[in-house]
Amino acid sequence: MSKIFLETKVPGIAKTYEFSVDSVMTVGTVKKEMIDQISAVENRTVFPDPGKVLVCSIDMGGLLQDSETLGSIGIKSGGQIMLI
């Protein structure tokens, strides 16, 4: 297990956040944690329906599936993702 540092863009509110996650985490778990933490920081509900939020890798140019682990799909430290 290794730490991955990600830059996460949220175009819906025009903000960028930085997160530290483990390479063995699934995209779905990371997405849920990011949504919870962003909502806490912003002190409001940023994503009204978290089940419909998509995770896109800016570096890889595509959508990530919730069941995939970050390390297995090649997400590396310094990577950029987007929550849409």
Protein backbone atom coordinates (compact mmCIF):
# COMPACT_ATOMS: atom_id res chain seq x y z
CA MET A 1 0.00 0.00 0.00
CA SER A 2 1.38 3.39 -0.94
CA LYS A 3 0.06 6.91 -0.67
CA ILE A 4 -1.11 8.73 -3.78
CA PHE A 5 -1.50 12.50 -3.79
CA LEU A 6 -4.24 13.71 -6.14
CA GLU A 7 -5.40 17.08 -7.37
CA THR A 8 -9.17 16.95 -7.59
CA LYS A 9 -11.09 19.46 -9.69
CA VAL A 10 -14.78 20.14 -9.10
CA PRO A 11 -16.00 22.22 -12.04
CA GLY A 12 -19.51 22.54 -10.57
CA ILE A 13 -18.16 24.95 -7.96
CA ALA A 14 -14.97 25.98 -9.81
CA LYS A 15 -12.62 24.72 -7.08
CA THR A 16 -9.65 22.38 -6.79
CA TYR A 17 -8.71 20.26 -3.76
CA GLU A 18 -5.76 18.06 -2.83
CA PHE A 19 -6.22 14.60 -1.36
CA SER A 20 -3.98 11.83 -0.08
CA VAL A 21 -5.34 8.31 -0.69
CA ASP A 22 -4.02 4.74 -0.65
CA SER A 23 -3.25 2.94 -3.91
CA VAL A 24 -5.34 -0.08 -2.82
CA MET A 25 -8.54 1.95 -2.41
CA THR A 26 -11.32 1.60 -4.95
CA VAL A 27 -12.45 4.54 -7.01
CA GLY A 28 -15.89 4.28 -5.35
CA THR A 29 -14.43 4.52 -1.84
CA VAL A 30 -12.21 7.45 -2.80
CA LYS A 31 -15.15 9.20 -4.46
CA LYS A 32 -17.32 8.83 -1.34
CA GLU A 33 -14.58 10.13 0.94
CA MET A 34 -13.86 13.08 -1.36
CA ILE A 35 -17.55 14.01 -1.57
CA ASP A 36 -17.88 13.86 2.23
CA GLN A 37 -14.74 15.92 2.83
CA ILE A 38 -15.56 18.53 0.18
CA SER A 39 -19.08 18.95 1.58
CA ALA A 40 -17.60 19.37 5.09
CA VAL A 41 -15.06 21.98 3.94
CA GLU A 42 -17.66 23.91 1.96
CA ASN A 43 -20.21 23.52 4.80
CA ARG A 44 -22.94 22.61 2.31
CA THR A 45 -24.08 19.82 0.04
CA VAL A 46 -21.97 20.14 -3.10
CA PHE A 47 -23.27 16.99 -4.79
CA PRO A 48 -27.06 16.59 -4.32
CA ASP A 49 -26.99 12.98 -5.60
CA PRO A 50 -23.59 11.40 -4.79
CA GLY A 51 -24.62 8.21 -6.61
CA LYS A 52 -24.58 10.08 -9.92
CA VAL A 53 -21.12 11.63 -9.48
CA LEU A 54 -18.57 10.46 -12.04
CA VAL A 55 -14.81 10.33 -11.57
CA CYS A 56 -12.73 11.26 -14.58
CA SER A 57 -8.96 10.99 -14.90
CA ILE A 58 -7.67 14.11 -16.61
CA ASP A 59 -4.28 12.45 -17.15
CA MET A 60 -5.73 9.29 -18.69
CA GLY A 61 -8.58 11.07 -20.47
CA GLY A 62 -11.46 8.88 -19.35
CA LEU A 63 -13.99 7.83 -16.75
CA LEU A 64 -12.94 5.58 -13.87
CA GLN A 65 -15.15 2.72 -12.71
CA ASP A 66 -16.11 2.59 -9.01
CA SER A 67 -14.90 -1.01 -8.62
CA GLU A 68 -11.35 -0.38 -9.89
CA THR A 69 -8.47 0.12 -7.46
CA LEU A 70 -6.34 3.20 -8.03
CA GLY A 71 -3.05 1.30 -8.23
CA SER A 72 -4.35 -1.30 -10.68
CA ILE A 73 -5.44 1.32 -13.23
CA GLY A 74 -2.24 3.33 -13.04
CA ILE A 75 -3.29 6.35 -11.01
CA LYS A 76 -0.09 7.88 -9.65
CA SER A 77 0.87 10.64 -7.24
CA GLY A 78 0.45 14.06 -8.79
CA GLY A 79 -2.42 12.85 -10.95
CA GLN A 80 -5.42 15.01 -11.70
CA ILE A 81 -8.97 13.81 -11.45
CA MET A 82 -12.31 15.51 -11.82
CA LEU A 83 -15.60 14.92 -10.02
CA ILE A 84 -18.53 15.65 -12.33
